[in-house]
Amino acid sequence: MVVSNTSPIINLACIGRLNLLPALYGQIAIPAAVFHEIAVIDPEAPGAAEIRRAPWVQTWNVANRPLVAALSLELDPGESEAIACALERQASLLLIDERRGRSVAQRLGVPVMGLPGVLLLAKQRGIIGNIRPLLDALRHTAGFWITDALYARVMEEASET
């Protein structure tokens, strides 16, 4: 089971490539707080309609509320529930981009991957041809923040230097 936080879904939806998630992972789980952030707060936002009707998205109500409350001391509600959901579901992977959330998840033993890793995996599996146009679209269209050093490292790993 793969769990996703808000950022990977919204950013991929912004560039019209939300299809990468079911192509790579089949189904994904999102906690109720992530569903709320994507599909309820701004029902016209990129990805909102897709997530409301996607058969490959499973919404999960996190049971461990004390853990969510503890995580909420340093993370936002979506990140807190995504990490708790990954732990409850014994997820093989948590898709999360925010540095602090990734750090907390890793500290708790949750394997994490961000969008650059998702794109690398999609290229390795032959789902996409090149990463550069998608990473550029994430930066310029979606407003996805990535350091120049990480961008260069991803291009090198993708053999697109």
Protein backbone atom coordinates (compact mmCIF):
# COMPACT_ATOMS: atom_id res chain seq x y z
CA MET A 1 0.00 0.00 0.00
CA VAL A 2 1.20 3.49 -0.91
CA VAL A 3 -0.06 6.53 0.99
CA SER A 4 0.07 10.05 -0.42
CA ASN A 5 0.15 13.48 1.12
CA THR A 6 -1.50 16.43 -0.63
CA SER A 7 1.45 17.90 -2.52
CA PRO A 8 2.23 15.02 -4.94
CA ILE A 9 -1.42 14.79 -5.99
CA ILE A 10 -2.03 18.51 -6.47
CA ASN A 11 1.26 19.12 -8.25
CA LEU A 12 0.79 16.23 -10.68
CA ALA A 13 -2.80 17.36 -11.31
CA CYS A 14 -1.54 20.89 -12.07
CA ILE A 15 0.55 19.55 -14.95
CA GLY A 16 -2.04 17.03 -16.15
CA ARG A 17 -0.09 13.95 -15.06
CA LEU A 18 -2.10 12.62 -12.14
CA ASN A 19 -2.31 9.40 -14.16
CA LEU A 20 1.25 8.59 -13.10
CA LEU A 21 0.12 7.57 -9.62
CA PRO A 22 -2.23 4.73 -10.61
CA ALA A 23 0.16 3.71 -13.39
CA LEU A 24 2.96 3.29 -10.86
CA TYR A 25 1.15 2.14 -7.75
CA GLY A 26 -2.31 0.87 -8.71
CA GLN A 27 -4.26 2.11 -5.71
CA ILE A 28 -3.12 4.73 -3.23
CA ALA A 29 -4.52 5.61 0.16
CA ILE A 30 -5.03 9.15 1.38
CA PRO A 31 -6.17 10.12 4.86
CA ALA A 32 -9.37 12.11 5.32
CA ALA A 33 -7.41 15.34 5.99
CA VAL A 34 -5.63 15.03 2.63
CA PHE A 35 -8.95 14.35 0.88
CA HIS A 36 -10.34 17.46 2.57
CA GLU A 37 -7.33 19.59 1.52
CA ILE A 38 -7.60 18.44 -2.10
CA ALA A 39 -11.30 17.93 -2.79
CA VAL A 40 -13.24 20.00 -0.27
CA ILE A 41 -11.39 23.23 0.58
CA ASP A 42 -11.22 24.30 -3.08
CA PRO A 43 -13.50 22.00 -5.11
CA GLU A 44 -12.34 23.64 -8.37
CA ALA A 45 -8.60 23.21 -7.70
CA PRO A 46 -6.49 20.96 -9.93
CA GLY A 47 -7.03 17.36 -8.92
CA ALA A 48 -10.14 17.98 -6.80
CA ALA A 49 -12.67 16.48 -9.21
CA GLU A 50 -10.33 13.63 -10.16
CA ILE A 51 -9.73 12.63 -6.54
CA ARG A 52 -13.45 12.74 -5.72
CA ARG A 53 -14.20 10.18 -8.44
CA ALA A 54 -10.93 8.22 -8.80
CA PRO A 55 -11.46 4.50 -8.25
CA TRP A 56 -7.74 4.13 -7.51
CA VAL A 57 -7.89 6.43 -4.45
CA GLN A 58 -8.92 4.97 -1.11
CA THR A 59 -9.72 7.47 1.64
CA TRP A 60 -8.73 6.34 5.12
CA ASN A 61 -9.96 7.61 8.48
CA VAL A 62 -6.95 7.56 10.78
CA ALA A 63 -7.76 5.83 14.06
CA ASN A 64 -4.71 6.88 16.08
CA ARG A 65 -5.87 10.41 16.94
CA PRO A 66 -3.28 10.85 19.75
CA LEU A 67 -0.51 10.27 17.18
CA VAL A 68 -2.12 12.77 14.79
CA ALA A 69 -2.36 15.31 17.63
CA ALA A 70 1.30 14.80 18.52
CA LEU A 71 2.42 15.11 14.90
CA SER A 72 0.26 18.23 14.51
CA LEU A 73 2.53 20.03 16.95
CA GLU A 74 5.07 20.33 14.13
CA LEU A 75 3.21 19.43 10.92
CA ASP A 76 0.04 20.47 9.13
CA PRO A 77 -3.10 18.26 9.35
CA GLY A 78 -2.54 16.55 6.00
CA GLU A 79 1.06 15.65 6.75
CA SER A 80 0.17 14.48 10.26
CA GLU A 81 -2.61 12.21 9.03
CA ALA A 82 -0.57 10.99 6.05
CA ILE A 83 2.22 9.80 8.35
CA ALA A 84 -0.26 8.25 10.80
CA CYS A 85 -2.09 6.58 7.91
CA ALA A 86 1.17 5.17 6.54
CA LEU A 87 1.95 3.71 9.95
CA GLU A 88 -1.56 2.27 10.44
CA ARG A 89 -1.68 0.78 6.95
CA GLN A 90 1.91 -0.44 7.22
CA ALA A 91 2.49 1.31 3.91
CA SER A 92 5.45 0.37 1.79
CA LEU A 93 5.82 4.05 0.83
CA LEU A 94 4.62 7.54 1.74
CA LEU A 95 4.58 10.13 -1.05
CA ILE A 96 5.48 13.43 0.58
CA ASP A 97 7.52 16.42 -0.56
CA GLU A 98 7.76 18.74 2.42
CA ARG A 99 11.14 18.49 4.12
CA ARG A 100 9.89 18.53 7.71
CA GLY A 101 7.20 15.93 7.00
CA ARG A 102 9.72 13.67 5.27
CA SER A 103 12.09 13.97 8.21
CA VAL A 104 9.39 13.11 10.77
CA ALA A 105 8.17 10.16 8.68
CA GLN A 106 11.69 8.79 8.29
CA ARG A 107 12.31 9.19 12.03
CA LEU A 108 9.24 6.99 12.59
CA GLY A 109 10.50 4.38 10.11
CA VAL A 110 8.17 5.26 7.22
CA PRO A 111 9.79 4.98 3.76
CA VAL A 112 9.27 8.22 1.81
CA MET A 113 9.50 9.42 -1.77
CA GLY A 114 8.93 12.86 -3.27
CA LEU A 115 7.83 13.87 -6.74
CA PRO A 116 11.34 13.77 -8.22
CA GLY A 117 11.57 10.13 -7.12
CA VAL A 118 8.12 9.41 -8.57
CA LEU A 119 9.25 10.83 -11.92
CA LEU A 120 12.47 8.80 -11.85
CA LEU A 121 10.50 5.64 -11.15
CA ALA A 122 8.06 6.44 -13.96
CA LYS A 123 10.98 6.84 -16.38
CA GLN A 124 12.65 3.62 -15.18
CA ARG A 125 9.41 1.73 -15.79
CA GLY A 126 8.94 3.25 -19.25
CA ILE A 127 5.79 5.17 -18.32
CA ILE A 128 7.33 8.48 -19.33
CA GLY A 129 10.09 9.21 -21.81
CA ASN A 130 11.79 12.22 -20.26
CA ILE A 131 11.70 13.79 -16.84
CA ARG A 132 12.92 17.27 -17.77
CA PRO A 133 9.68 18.56 -19.34
CA LEU A 134 7.63 17.30 -16.39
CA LEU A 135 10.01 18.66 -13.77
CA ASP A 136 10.09 22.00 -15.62
CA ALA A 137 6.28 22.05 -15.74
CA LEU A 138 6.17 21.28 -12.01
CA ARG A 139 8.48 24.22 -11.36
CA HIS A 140 6.88 26.73 -13.70
CA THR A 141 3.22 25.72 -13.89
CA ALA A 142 2.57 24.15 -10.50
CA GLY A 143 5.01 26.30 -8.54
CA PHE A 144 6.75 23.20 -7.19
CA TRP A 145 9.91 24.20 -5.34
CA ILE A 146 13.05 22.19 -5.99
CA THR A 147 16.63 23.27 -5.39
CA ASP A 148 18.93 23.59 -8.39
CA ALA A 149 21.18 20.93 -6.84
CA LEU A 150 18.34 18.41 -6.56
CA TYR A 151 17.14 19.27 -10.08
CA ALA A 152 20.66 18.59 -11.41
CA ARG A 153 20.91 15.33 -9.45
CA VAL A 154 17.56 14.12 -10.81
CA MET A 155 18.63 14.99 -14.37
CA GLU A 156 21.88 13.09 -13.85
CA GLU A 157 20.08 10.03 -12.43
CA ALA A 158 17.69 10.16 -15.38
CA SER A 159 20.63 10.45 -17.81
CA GLU A 160 19.18 13.71 -19.12
CA THR A 161 22.17 15.98 -18.42
